[in-house]
């Protein structure tokens, strides 16, 4: 993985010192809160309902075991013994004291980490495929390009005050596991007929108040021009993006307003002035960065291990875990393992300090001391020997990290919601927990098959509810918390925005609503048809009719019918 050079170390050290002085001035009232707010946000510090939240950058989701141990240390010393992994592949700590925040940043700097540009109207953390470098369907490892984007965008003076926050995702495989279609810029690596590497470029994607899939504005961009073309996109956005209305300031609104063709033409015109300038990437620069992402020292292993096959045949629980949590690896005899952070009873994406230390130890022993964070809020050990999967499973299970539910109903994506976030209209964690408890039967979940359920506590869509097969959005209804349901959302190569099925539901009704949706699926599905396939084939009307056909009766409502 990438290691800081002298410039990285100096930049981060100076930023910590600068921020420490800003905190000192705030605490002595030399800075008013309105003056301090923009400064702390530039360092990832938010004020939430109960305390400050610190968001730490994990570039393209890649972590060392040393960095994970630092998270465990921060959780114990400065928080309440846990952290929360987000859909941006970052980590958040929710109970931070302002006075201690500079010390946290100083400790992070010792393991080459920071919180720079995790907030503000700037280019945020570039996200990528959690299986980058090991995926069996990979075309090109996207991590060197993601790192180049990180270095280029950090403290870029021209794009420090964009009309709104800006997010970039890059995928290097045949299957898009980075949700590129719902980002301000989505880059998908491909090769042309001549075998040359380039990118399909999408712009104007995003969720939130106005969910929109990105439009392809260039089918093939040679890799050498990645930075100059992205710079042209940002210049057009910086010049013409709306600054008069925060709700209409994202690039997706600009692209929609003028049309993708017009926007692409403006980008092309801007690009002509800079395409062969100093921002053009060279083979030497790409190779300089790529050297940090060379393959580890893999052993020559057989494609199949006899003991592994025997354990899989003899142990149903292990077999279920292999089916859901173990992914194909491009090197014979190895596999990528997803550690589930979705155990019933635990908020999705949360991890304890003890688990952080344990996962770091696992990565040291089983996976070359590296970890990945997924945008689905799980963790990945990318390089595990097939012969060691059984031992790893036993250890992970003992620490609550081996729930065999990846891609299933209880692998819920969920933002912190109203329990923490001051922007939220409703709580999201209790809804996730209620649904997980109702369907906490792994055999039933395996029968239902692949399904994505995403929950957001407000329209900002941090839980990516728009692209969930089932999406749940918390809304305010006369001062009460209610929940809007959408169907048909999808990420990946067939990305889609879900459609709202009708009026909202109370919190107590939500598990029953999900049950009714699943009833329709079970009745209507054909052999080997996933939930999303059935929704796309028959539409949302049959689901809507069944959900709203009869009142949902709840004991919680003192025997009264709760009409939806």
Protein backbone atom coordinates (compact mmCIF):
# COMPACT_ATOMS: atom_id res chain seq x y z
CA UNK A 1 0.00 0.00 0.00
CA UNK A 2 1.05 3.60 -0.43
CA UNK A 3 3.54 5.01 2.08
CA UNK A 4 3.98 8.68 2.87
CA UNK A 5 6.98 10.48 1.44
CA UNK A 6 8.64 13.51 3.07
CA UNK A 7 6.08 15.88 1.56
CA UNK A 8 3.11 13.91 2.90
CA UNK A 9 4.64 13.83 6.36
CA UNK A 10 5.36 17.55 6.33
CA UNK A 11 1.91 18.52 5.03
CA UNK A 12 0.07 16.44 7.62
CA UNK A 13 2.35 17.58 10.46
CA UNK A 14 1.83 21.24 9.58
CA UNK A 15 -1.93 20.75 9.27
CA UNK A 16 -2.08 19.23 12.77
CA UNK A 17 -0.16 22.19 14.20
CA UNK A 18 -2.40 24.65 12.38
CA UNK A 19 -5.53 22.92 13.63
CA UNK A 20 -4.23 22.72 17.20
CA UNK A 21 -3.85 26.50 17.22
CA UNK A 22 -7.34 26.92 15.78
CA UNK A 23 -8.79 24.80 18.59
CA UNK A 24 -6.83 26.79 21.16
CA UNK A 25 -8.27 30.02 19.79
CA UNK A 26 -11.78 28.60 19.80
CA UNK A 27 -11.50 27.43 23.40
CA UNK A 28 -10.25 30.88 24.45
CA UNK A 29 -13.08 32.54 22.47
CA UNK A 30 -10.65 34.24 20.12
CA UNK A 31 -12.64 32.47 17.40
CA UNK A 32 -16.43 32.46 17.40
CA UNK A 33 -18.19 29.20 16.53
CA UNK A 34 -19.24 30.54 13.14
CA UNK A 35 -15.59 31.30 12.36
CA UNK A 36 -14.36 27.99 13.75
CA UNK A 37 -16.96 25.82 12.05
CA UNK A 38 -15.42 25.92 8.60
CA UNK A 39 -11.96 25.28 10.06
CA UNK A 40 -12.97 22.19 12.01
CA UNK A 41 -14.96 20.81 9.09
CA UNK A 42 -11.83 21.04 6.95
CA UNK A 43 -10.32 18.64 9.46
CA UNK A 44 -13.26 16.24 9.54
CA UNK A 45 -14.80 17.38 12.83
CA UNK A 46 -18.61 17.66 12.90
CA UNK A 47 -20.89 18.75 15.72
CA UNK A 48 -23.68 16.20 16.12
CA UNK A 49 -26.55 15.75 18.55
CA UNK A 50 -24.53 14.74 21.59
CA UNK A 51 -20.85 15.35 20.85
CA UNK A 52 -18.34 16.01 18.12
CA UNK A 53 -17.88 13.36 15.43
CA UNK A 54 -14.49 12.89 13.77
CA UNK A 55 -14.39 11.38 10.28
CA UNK A 56 -11.02 9.89 9.34
CA UNK A 57 -10.01 9.34 5.73
CA UNK A 58 -9.24 5.82 4.54
CA UNK A 59 -8.02 6.40 0.98
CA UNK A 60 -9.84 4.04 -1.41
CA UNK A 61 -10.66 1.85 1.60
CA UNK A 62 -7.15 0.43 2.12
CA UNK A 63 -5.75 -0.04 5.64
CA UNK A 64 -2.69 -1.56 7.28
CA UNK A 65 -2.91 -3.61 10.45
CA UNK A 66 -0.97 -0.84 12.20
CA UNK A 67 -3.58 1.71 11.18
CA UNK A 68 -6.41 -0.54 12.36
CA UNK A 69 -4.71 -0.86 15.73
CA UNK A 70 -4.55 2.92 15.90
CA UNK A 71 -8.31 3.01 15.40
CA UNK A 72 -8.66 0.64 18.36
CA UNK A 73 -6.45 2.92 20.44
CA UNK A 74 -8.51 5.99 19.49
CA UNK A 75 -11.75 4.15 20.28
CA UNK A 76 -10.52 3.30 23.78
CA UNK A 77 -8.75 6.54 24.65
CA UNK A 78 -10.96 9.17 23.04
CA UNK A 79 -14.33 7.56 22.26
CA UNK A 80 -16.61 4.92 23.77
CA UNK A 81 -14.75 1.81 22.65
CA UNK A 82 -16.07 1.61 19.10
CA UNK A 83 -16.03 3.20 15.67
CA UNK A 84 -18.34 3.25 12.66
CA UNK A 85 -17.34 2.44 9.07
CA UNK A 86 -19.22 4.46 6.46
CA UNK A 87 -20.37 4.13 2.87
CA UNK A 88 -17.43 6.37 1.89
CA UNK A 89 -15.00 3.67 3.12
CA UNK A 90 -14.04 6.00 6.00
CA UNK A 91 -14.37 5.59 9.76
CA UNK A 92 -16.21 7.87 12.18
CA UNK A 93 -15.88 8.28 15.94
CA UNK A 94 -19.02 9.74 17.47
CA UNK A 95 -18.04 10.85 20.98
CA UNK A 96 -15.07 13.17 20.56
CA UNK A 97 -14.18 16.06 22.87
CA UNK A 98 -13.03 19.20 21.10
CA UNK A 99 -10.03 19.67 23.40
CA UNK A 100 -8.69 16.23 22.49
CA UNK A 101 -9.27 16.37 18.74
CA UNK A 102 -5.80 17.80 17.88
CA UNK A 103 -4.19 14.98 19.86
CA UNK A 104 -6.13 12.43 17.82
CA UNK A 105 -4.93 13.97 14.57
CA UNK A 106 -1.36 13.97 15.88
CA UNK A 107 -1.60 10.28 16.76
CA UNK A 108 -3.12 9.49 13.36
CA UNK A 109 -0.18 11.21 11.67
CA UNK A 110 2.20 8.70 13.26
CA UNK A 111 0.54 5.94 11.19
CA UNK A 112 0.23 8.05 8.03
CA UNK A 113 -3.44 8.97 8.37
CA UNK A 114 -5.45 12.18 8.62
CA UNK A 115 -8.95 13.66 8.41
CA UNK A 116 -8.20 16.23 5.71
CA UNK A 117 -11.02 16.83 3.20
CA UNK A 118 -13.43 14.40 4.83
CA UNK A 119 -15.82 17.35 4.94
CA UNK A 120 -16.33 20.65 3.19
CA UNK A 121 -17.05 21.70 -0.38
CA UNK A 122 -14.01 19.98 -1.78
CA UNK A 123 -12.97 16.69 -3.36
CA UNK A 124 -13.68 14.03 -0.75
CA UNK A 125 -12.13 10.59 -0.28
CA UNK A 126 -11.90 8.73 -3.59
CA UNK A 127 -13.54 5.32 -3.22
CA UNK A 128 -12.85 2.12 -5.10
CA UNK A 129 -13.43 -1.62 -5.36
CA UNK A 130 -12.67 -3.44 -2.11
CA UNK A 131 -11.29 -6.35 -4.17
CA UNK A 132 -8.90 -4.14 -6.14
CA UNK A 133 -5.72 -5.99 -7.04
CA UNK A 134 -7.13 -9.46 -6.30
CA UNK A 135 -10.48 -9.68 -8.08
CA UNK A 136 -10.82 -12.54 -10.53
CA UNK A 137 -12.62 -10.25 -13.01
CA UNK A 138 -10.18 -7.35 -12.74
CA UNK A 139 -9.07 -5.56 -15.90
CA UNK A 140 -6.55 -3.20 -14.30
CA UNK A 141 -5.75 -2.53 -10.63
CA UNK A 142 -7.38 0.88 -9.99
CA UNK A 143 -5.47 1.65 -6.79
CA UNK A 144 -2.51 3.47 -8.42
CA UNK A 145 -4.97 5.77 -10.21
CA UNK A 146 -6.93 6.29 -6.97
CA UNK A 147 -3.71 7.24 -5.19
CA UNK A 148 -2.77 9.65 -7.97
CA UNK A 149 -6.19 11.26 -7.59
CA UNK A 150 -5.65 11.50 -3.82
CA UNK A 151 -2.32 13.25 -4.18
CA UNK A 152 -3.62 15.57 -6.89
CA UNK A 153 -6.81 16.55 -5.07
CA UNK A 154 -5.42 17.05 -1.55
CA UNK A 155 -5.17 20.80 -0.91
CA UNK A 156 -5.75 21.56 -4.59
CA UNK A 157 -6.13 25.36 -4.38
CA UNK A 158 -8.48 25.69 -7.32
CA UNK A 159 -10.99 23.19 -5.93
CA UNK A 160 -10.90 23.95 -2.20
CA UNK A 161 -14.22 25.84 -2.30
CA UNK A 162 -16.44 24.15 -4.86
CA UNK A 163 -20.17 24.88 -5.00
CA UNK A 164 -20.72 21.67 -3.02
CA UNK A 165 -18.94 18.51 -1.86
CA UNK A 166 -17.51 16.35 -4.63
CA UNK A 167 -17.09 12.58 -4.74
CA UNK A 168 -15.16 10.36 -7.16
CA UNK A 169 -15.28 6.56 -7.45
CA UNK A 170 -13.16 4.28 -9.62
CA UNK A 171 -13.68 0.66 -10.63
CA UNK A 172 -11.10 -1.52 -12.37
CA UNK A 173 -13.05 -4.74 -12.92
CA UNK A 174 -15.72 -6.04 -15.26
CA UNK A 175 -18.26 -5.78 -12.43
CA UNK A 176 -18.61 -2.35 -10.90
CA UNK A 177 -18.26 -2.84 -7.14
CA UNK A 178 -17.64 0.86 -6.46
CA UNK A 179 -21.13 2.23 -7.29
CA UNK A 180 -19.56 4.59 -9.82
CA UNK A 181 -22.91 5.57 -11.35
CA UNK A 182 -23.99 7.50 -8.25
CA UNK A 183 -20.90 9.66 -7.87
CA UNK A 184 -20.10 13.15 -9.10
CA UNK A 185 -17.48 11.49 -11.28
CA UNK A 186 -17.43 7.76 -11.93
CA UNK A 187 -14.43 6.15 -13.62
CA UNK A 188 -14.61 2.62 -15.01
CA UNK A 189 -11.35 1.15 -16.31
CA UNK A 190 -11.50 -0.56 -19.68
CA UNK A 191 -9.35 -1.51 -22.64
CA UNK A 192 -10.05 -0.51 -26.24
CA UNK A 193 -9.70 -2.77 -29.26
CA UNK A 194 -5.98 -2.00 -29.41
CA UNK A 195 -5.54 -3.15 -25.80
CA UNK A 196 -4.87 0.37 -24.52
CA UNK A 197 -6.01 1.25 -21.00
CA UNK A 198 -8.46 4.04 -20.46
CA UNK A 199 -11.60 5.09 -18.61
CA UNK A 200 -15.28 5.36 -19.32
CA UNK A 201 -16.12 8.65 -17.62
CA UNK A 202 -19.48 9.39 -16.03
CA UNK A 203 -20.43 12.72 -14.49
CA UNK A 204 -23.42 14.09 -12.63
CA UNK A 205 -24.38 11.06 -10.58
CA UNK A 206 -25.49 11.35 -6.99
CA UNK A 207 -28.15 10.59 -4.43
CA UNK A 208 -29.68 12.88 -1.84
CA UNK A 209 -32.60 15.19 -2.54
CA UNK A 210 -32.44 14.58 -6.30
CA UNK A 211 -31.12 11.08 -7.05
CA UNK A 212 -29.62 10.81 -10.53
CA UNK A 213 -27.47 8.24 -12.30
CA UNK A 214 -24.33 9.65 -13.87
CA UNK A 215 -24.20 10.26 -17.61
CA UNK A 216 -21.39 8.92 -19.75
CA UNK A 217 -19.61 12.00 -21.09
CA UNK A 218 -16.65 10.16 -22.59
CA UNK A 219 -16.64 6.52 -23.66
CA UNK A 220 -12.87 6.14 -23.68
CA UNK A 221 -10.36 8.46 -22.04
CA UNK A 222 -6.69 7.42 -22.34
CA UNK A 223 -5.25 6.95 -18.86
CA UNK A 224 -2.60 9.60 -19.46
CA UNK A 225 -5.32 12.27 -19.49
CA UNK A 226 -7.19 11.22 -16.35
CA UNK A 227 -6.13 14.24 -14.29
CA UNK A 228 -6.46 16.85 -17.02
CA UNK A 229 -9.93 15.66 -18.02
CA UNK A 230 -11.14 15.54 -14.41
CA UNK A 231 -9.68 19.01 -13.94
CA UNK A 232 -11.71 20.19 -16.93
CA UNK A 233 -14.87 18.71 -15.42
CA UNK A 234 -14.23 20.46 -12.12
CA UNK A 235 -13.49 23.77 -13.81
CA UNK A 236 -16.79 23.70 -15.66
CA UNK A 237 -18.59 22.76 -12.46
CA UNK A 238 -16.73 25.38 -10.41
CA UNK A 239 -17.69 28.08 -12.89
CA UNK A 240 -21.31 27.16 -13.59
CA UNK A 241 -22.43 25.17 -10.54
CA UNK A 242 -25.04 26.98 -8.47
CA UNK A 243 -23.88 28.69 -5.31
CA UNK A 244 -27.15 30.45 -4.49
CA UNK A 245 -28.98 27.31 -3.33
CA UNK A 246 -27.29 24.56 -1.31
CA UNK A 247 -29.92 22.05 -2.44
CA UNK A 248 -29.17 22.67 -6.10
CA UNK A 249 -25.41 23.06 -5.89
CA UNK A 250 -24.25 19.54 -6.79
CA UNK A 251 -22.83 18.83 -10.24
CA UNK A 252 -25.77 16.50 -10.97
CA UNK A 253 -28.10 19.53 -11.02
CA UNK A 254 -25.85 21.33 -13.50
CA UNK A 255 -25.58 18.30 -15.80
CA UNK A 256 -29.34 17.75 -15.66
CA UNK A 257 -30.10 21.43 -16.27
CA UNK A 258 -27.98 21.87 -19.40
CA UNK A 259 -27.98 18.26 -20.57
CA UNK A 260 -25.18 15.71 -20.64
CA UNK A 261 -24.21 16.49 -24.25
CA UNK A 262 -23.84 20.20 -23.61
CA UNK A 263 -21.94 19.56 -20.40
CA UNK A 264 -19.60 17.13 -22.19
CA UNK A 265 -19.00 19.71 -24.93
CA UNK A 266 -18.10 22.36 -22.34
CA UNK A 267 -15.72 19.95 -20.66
CA UNK A 268 -14.16 19.08 -24.01
CA UNK A 269 -13.61 22.75 -24.80
CA UNK A 270 -12.04 23.38 -21.41
CA UNK A 271 -9.92 20.26 -21.74
CA UNK A 272 -8.37 21.30 -25.04
CA UNK A 273 -6.41 24.03 -23.27
CA UNK A 274 -4.84 21.68 -20.71
CA UNK A 275 -4.93 18.13 -22.12
CA UNK A 276 -1.23 18.03 -23.01
CA UNK A 277 -0.06 20.27 -20.18
CA UNK A 278 1.89 19.45 -17.02
CA UNK A 279 -1.06 17.52 -15.60
CA UNK A 280 -0.68 14.83 -18.24
CA UNK A 281 0.35 11.56 -16.60
CA UNK A 282 3.52 9.83 -17.70
CA UNK A 283 4.47 6.19 -17.62
CA UNK A 284 7.21 7.05 -15.14
CA UNK A 285 4.75 8.67 -12.72
CA UNK A 286 2.28 5.81 -13.00
CA UNK A 287 5.05 3.29 -12.37
CA UNK A 288 6.27 5.30 -9.38
CA UNK A 289 2.88 5.02 -7.74
CA UNK A 290 2.18 1.47 -8.95
CA UNK A 291 5.24 0.15 -7.12
CA UNK A 292 3.36 0.63 -3.85
CA UNK A 293 0.68 -1.79 -5.02
CA UNK A 294 2.74 -4.72 -6.26
CA UNK A 295 1.46 -8.19 -5.43
CA UNK A 296 2.55 -9.68 -2.08
CA UNK A 297 4.76 -12.75 -1.90
CA UNK A 298 2.17 -15.33 -2.90
CA UNK A 299 3.04 -19.01 -2.58
CA UNK A 300 2.51 -21.49 -5.40
CA UNK A 301 -0.60 -23.31 -4.18
CA UNK A 302 -2.95 -25.87 -5.70
CA UNK A 303 -6.32 -24.62 -6.90
CA UNK A 304 -8.10 -26.80 -4.33
CA UNK A 305 -7.11 -27.87 -0.81
CA UNK A 306 -8.32 -31.30 0.33
CA UNK A 307 -8.81 -30.37 4.00
CA UNK A 308 -10.73 -27.25 2.99
CA UNK A 309 -13.07 -29.27 0.77
CA UNK A 310 -13.62 -31.81 3.54
CA UNK A 311 -14.48 -29.12 6.10
CA UNK A 312 -16.86 -27.51 3.64
CA UNK A 313 -18.65 -30.80 3.05
CA UNK A 314 -18.83 -31.76 6.72
CA UNK A 315 -19.76 -28.41 8.28
CA UNK A 316 -22.91 -26.66 7.06
CA UNK A 317 -22.18 -23.44 8.97
CA UNK A 318 -18.73 -23.21 7.42
CA UNK A 319 -20.18 -24.01 3.99
CA UNK A 320 -22.74 -21.20 4.37
CA UNK A 321 -19.96 -18.78 5.29
CA UNK A 322 -17.87 -19.85 2.29
CA UNK A 323 -20.86 -19.34 0.01
CA UNK A 324 -21.60 -15.81 1.18
CA UNK A 325 -18.41 -14.34 2.68
CA UNK A 326 -15.58 -15.75 0.56
CA UNK A 327 -14.84 -14.28 -2.86
CA UNK A 328 -12.82 -15.57 -5.79
CA UNK A 329 -9.17 -14.57 -6.02
CA UNK A 330 -7.11 -14.22 -9.18
CA UNK A 331 -4.24 -16.24 -7.65
CA UNK A 332 -4.66 -19.99 -7.37
CA UNK A 333 -5.09 -21.27 -3.81
CA UNK A 334 -6.08 -17.88 -2.34
CA UNK A 335 -9.39 -16.24 -1.52
CA UNK A 336 -10.73 -12.86 -0.36
CA UNK A 337 -12.72 -12.97 2.88
CA UNK A 338 -15.43 -10.51 3.88
CA UNK A 339 -15.73 -10.03 7.64
CA UNK A 340 -19.33 -9.13 8.36
CA UNK A 341 -20.02 -6.09 10.55
CA UNK A 342 -23.72 -6.94 10.42
CA UNK A 343 -24.25 -9.25 13.36
CA UNK A 344 -27.80 -9.03 14.70
CA UNK A 345 -27.96 -6.70 17.69
CA UNK A 346 -25.06 -4.51 16.53
CA UNK A 347 -25.57 -1.30 14.49
CA UNK A 348 -24.46 -1.96 10.89
CA UNK A 349 -20.87 -0.83 10.30
CA UNK A 350 -19.99 -0.56 13.99
CA UNK A 351 -16.87 -2.29 15.32
CA UNK A 352 -15.55 -2.44 18.87
CA UNK A 353 -12.02 -1.54 19.93
CA UNK A 354 -11.41 -5.19 20.84
CA UNK A 355 -12.57 -6.27 17.38
CA UNK A 356 -10.31 -3.69 15.74
CA UNK A 357 -7.29 -5.18 17.50
CA UNK A 358 -8.45 -8.68 16.65
CA UNK A 359 -8.97 -7.88 12.96
CA UNK A 360 -5.50 -6.30 12.82
CA UNK A 361 -4.08 -9.53 14.25
CA UNK A 362 -6.01 -11.58 11.69
CA UNK A 363 -4.61 -9.49 8.86
CA UNK A 364 -1.07 -9.99 10.17
CA UNK A 365 -1.45 -13.75 10.34
CA UNK A 366 -3.61 -14.44 7.33
CA UNK A 367 -3.49 -11.55 4.82
CA UNK A 368 -0.12 -9.78 4.55
CA UNK A 369 -1.10 -7.16 7.19
CA UNK A 370 -3.62 -5.37 4.95
CA UNK A 371 -7.36 -4.77 5.23
CA UNK A 372 -10.02 -3.20 3.05
CA UNK A 373 -13.20 -1.34 3.97
CA UNK A 374 -16.21 -1.85 1.70
CA UNK A 375 -18.78 0.81 0.90
CA UNK A 376 -21.30 -1.74 2.20
CA UNK A 377 -19.72 -1.21 5.66
CA UNK A 378 -17.87 -4.51 6.00
CA UNK A 379 -14.17 -5.44 6.09
CA UNK A 380 -12.10 -7.57 3.71
CA UNK A 381 -9.01 -9.71 4.16
CA UNK A 382 -7.95 -9.85 0.53
CA UNK A 383 -5.24 -12.53 0.46
CA UNK A 384 -6.13 -15.59 2.54
CA UNK A 385 -4.86 -19.07 1.72
CA UNK A 386 -7.68 -21.50 0.99
CA UNK A 387 -6.05 -23.96 3.38
CA UNK A 388 -6.40 -21.43 6.24
CA UNK A 389 -10.04 -20.46 5.69
CA UNK A 390 -11.42 -22.92 8.25
CA UNK A 391 -9.11 -21.69 11.01
CA UNK A 392 -9.85 -18.06 10.11
CA UNK A 393 -13.60 -18.73 10.16
CA UNK A 394 -13.44 -20.29 13.62
CA UNK A 395 -11.56 -17.31 15.02
CA UNK A 396 -13.76 -14.71 13.31
CA UNK A 397 -16.89 -16.51 14.51
CA UNK A 398 -15.69 -16.39 18.10
CA UNK A 399 -15.38 -12.60 17.80
CA UNK A 400 -18.76 -11.94 16.14
CA UNK A 401 -17.32 -11.26 12.68
CA UNK A 402 -18.40 -14.33 10.72
CA UNK A 403 -22.14 -13.87 10.18
CA UNK A 404 -22.71 -15.61 6.81
CA UNK A 405 -24.94 -12.86 5.44
CA UNK A 406 -22.92 -10.91 2.87
CA UNK A 407 -25.33 -9.84 0.15
CA UNK A 408 -28.32 -11.17 2.08
CA UNK A 409 -31.23 -9.49 3.84
CA UNK A 410 -29.46 -8.65 7.10
CA UNK A 411 -26.35 -7.28 5.38
CA UNK A 412 -28.05 -3.93 5.84
CA UNK A 413 -26.37 -0.66 4.85
CA UNK A 414 -27.33 1.96 7.41
CA UNK A 415 -26.24 5.47 8.37
CA UNK A 416 -26.02 6.52 12.06
CA UNK A 417 -29.31 8.39 11.65
CA UNK A 418 -31.13 10.34 14.34
CA UNK A 419 -29.33 8.61 17.19
CA UNK A 420 -26.31 10.75 16.34
CA UNK A 421 -26.68 12.95 13.28
CA UNK A 422 -28.18 16.41 13.71
CA UNK A 423 -29.33 16.40 10.07
CA UNK A 424 -31.41 13.24 10.39
CA UNK A 425 -35.20 13.29 10.32
CA UNK A 426 -35.49 9.86 11.92
CA UNK A 427 -33.52 7.11 13.59
CA UNK A 428 -32.16 4.46 11.24
CA UNK A 429 -30.24 2.09 13.55
CA UNK A 430 -33.36 0.87 15.44
CA UNK A 431 -35.06 0.11 12.11
CA UNK A 432 -32.06 -1.91 10.93
CA UNK A 433 -31.97 -3.80 14.22
CA UNK A 434 -35.70 -4.53 14.22
CA UNK A 435 -35.55 -5.92 10.68
CA UNK A 436 -32.43 -7.96 11.45
CA UNK A 437 -34.06 -9.45 14.55
CA UNK A 438 -37.25 -10.37 12.71
CA UNK A 439 -35.36 -12.19 9.96
CA UNK A 440 -32.51 -13.58 12.06
CA UNK A 441 -32.75 -17.03 10.48
CA UNK A 442 -29.80 -17.73 8.23
CA UNK A 443 -31.56 -20.61 6.44
CA UNK A 444 -34.45 -18.30 5.58
CA UNK A 445 -32.05 -15.62 4.40
CA UNK A 446 -30.21 -18.07 2.16
CA UNK A 447 -33.58 -19.17 0.72
CA UNK A 448 -34.55 -15.56 0.00
CA UNK A 449 -31.16 -15.09 -1.65
CA UNK A 450 -29.37 -11.91 -2.67
CA UNK A 451 -31.10 -8.71 -1.68
CA UNK A 452 -29.82 -5.26 -0.77
CA UNK A 453 -31.61 -3.30 1.96
CA UNK A 454 -30.37 0.24 2.56
CA UNK A 455 -31.51 2.72 5.23
CA UNK A 456 -30.94 6.47 5.47
CA UNK A 457 -32.10 8.70 8.32
CA UNK A 458 -32.56 11.71 6.03
CA UNK A 459 -32.62 12.80 2.40
CA UNK A 460 -28.83 13.21 2.31
CA UNK A 461 -28.77 9.46 1.62
CA UNK A 462 -25.63 8.49 3.56
CA UNK A 463 -27.14 4.99 3.71
CA UNK A 464 -27.46 4.87 -0.12
CA UNK A 465 -31.16 4.03 0.16
CA UNK A 466 -31.83 5.13 -3.43
CA UNK A 467 -29.83 2.20 -4.81
CA UNK A 468 -31.04 -0.43 -2.36
CA UNK A 469 -33.24 -3.16 -3.82
CA UNK A 470 -35.35 -2.09 -0.87
CA UNK A 471 -34.64 1.46 0.25
CA UNK A 472 -35.85 3.00 3.50
CA UNK A 473 -35.76 6.75 4.10
CA UNK A 474 -36.52 8.41 7.42
CA UNK A 475 -38.89 11.36 7.06
CA UNK A 476 -40.46 13.86 9.42
CA UNK A 477 -44.26 13.76 9.60
CA UNK A 478 -45.76 16.36 11.91
CA UNK A 479 -42.86 15.98 14.30
CA UNK A 480 -42.93 12.18 14.25
CA UNK A 481 -40.52 9.72 12.69
CA UNK A 482 -41.87 7.87 9.65
CA UNK A 483 -40.30 5.82 6.92
CA UNK A 484 -40.68 5.95 3.15
CA UNK A 485 -40.03 2.75 1.17
CA UNK A 486 -38.68 2.42 -2.36
CA UNK A 487 -38.14 -0.62 -4.56
CA UNK A 488 -35.97 -1.45 -7.54
CA UNK A 489 -32.77 0.38 -6.70
CA UNK A 490 -29.53 -1.28 -7.70
CA UNK A 491 -25.79 -0.63 -7.82
CA UNK A 492 -23.20 -2.22 -10.08
CA UNK A 493 -23.31 -2.52 -13.85
CA UNK A 494 -27.11 -2.32 -13.88
CA UNK A 495 -27.43 0.67 -11.57
CA UNK A 496 -30.94 1.98 -10.96
CA UNK A 497 -32.74 4.43 -8.68
CA UNK A 498 -35.56 2.91 -6.63
CA UNK A 499 -39.17 4.05 -6.92
CA UNK A 500 -41.25 5.07 -3.90
CA UNK A 501 -44.14 2.64 -3.38
CA UNK A 502 -46.50 4.99 -1.53
CA UNK A 503 -47.21 6.69 1.80
CA UNK A 504 -44.78 6.28 4.67
CA UNK A 505 -44.89 3.88 7.61
CA UNK A 506 -44.29 4.08 11.34
CA UNK A 507 -41.16 2.56 12.84
CA UNK A 508 -43.11 -0.30 14.39
CA UNK A 509 -44.62 -1.22 11.03
CA UNK A 510 -41.34 -1.53 9.14
CA UNK A 511 -40.48 -5.21 9.86
CA UNK A 512 -44.00 -6.18 8.77
CA UNK A 513 -43.70 -4.10 5.61
CA UNK A 514 -40.48 -5.93 4.72
CA UNK A 515 -42.19 -9.24 5.43
CA UNK A 516 -45.02 -8.38 3.04
CA UNK A 517 -42.59 -7.36 0.32
CA UNK A 518 -40.79 -10.68 0.69
CA UNK A 519 -44.08 -12.58 0.53
CA UNK A 520 -44.72 -11.16 -2.95
CA UNK A 521 -41.22 -12.06 -4.04
CA UNK A 522 -41.51 -15.66 -2.83
CA UNK A 523 -44.87 -16.03 -4.61
CA UNK A 524 -43.75 -14.44 -7.86
CA UNK A 525 -40.12 -15.44 -8.31
CA UNK A 526 -38.96 -17.90 -10.90
CA UNK A 527 -36.12 -20.36 -10.41
CA UNK A 528 -32.79 -18.65 -9.64
CA UNK A 529 -34.42 -15.20 -9.82
CA UNK A 530 -33.11 -12.64 -7.33
CA UNK A 531 -35.37 -10.14 -5.59
CA UNK A 532 -34.23 -7.31 -7.87
CA UNK A 533 -34.86 -9.48 -10.95
CA UNK A 534 -38.44 -10.11 -9.85
CA UNK A 535 -39.03 -6.41 -9.16
CA UNK A 536 -37.69 -5.49 -12.58
CA UNK A 537 -39.79 -8.17 -14.28
CA UNK A 538 -43.18 -7.55 -12.64
CA UNK A 539 -42.78 -3.92 -11.52
CA UNK A 540 -43.52 -2.43 -8.11
CA UNK A 541 -47.34 -2.52 -8.38
CA UNK A 542 -47.84 -6.09 -7.05
CA UNK A 543 -45.60 -5.29 -4.08
CA UNK A 544 -47.40 -2.03 -3.42
CA UNK A 545 -50.83 -3.64 -3.61
CA UNK A 546 -49.91 -6.37 -1.15
CA UNK A 547 -48.30 -4.00 1.35
CA UNK A 548 -51.26 -1.60 1.38
CA UNK A 549 -54.05 -4.16 0.88
CA UNK A 550 -54.92 -4.53 4.57
CA UNK A 551 -54.12 -2.54 7.70
CA UNK A 552 -51.05 -3.55 9.65
CA UNK A 553 -52.19 -4.44 13.16
CA UNK A 554 -49.77 -3.82 15.96
CA UNK A 555 -50.00 -4.51 19.67
CA UNK A 556 -47.82 -1.44 20.09
CA UNK A 557 -50.76 0.64 18.94
CA UNK A 558 -53.03 -0.64 21.75
CA UNK A 559 -55.00 -2.89 19.45
CA UNK A 560 -55.89 -0.20 16.95
CA UNK A 561 -55.33 -0.75 13.25
CA UNK A 562 -52.38 1.20 11.92
CA UNK A 563 -53.40 2.12 8.40
CA UNK A 564 -50.43 2.68 6.16
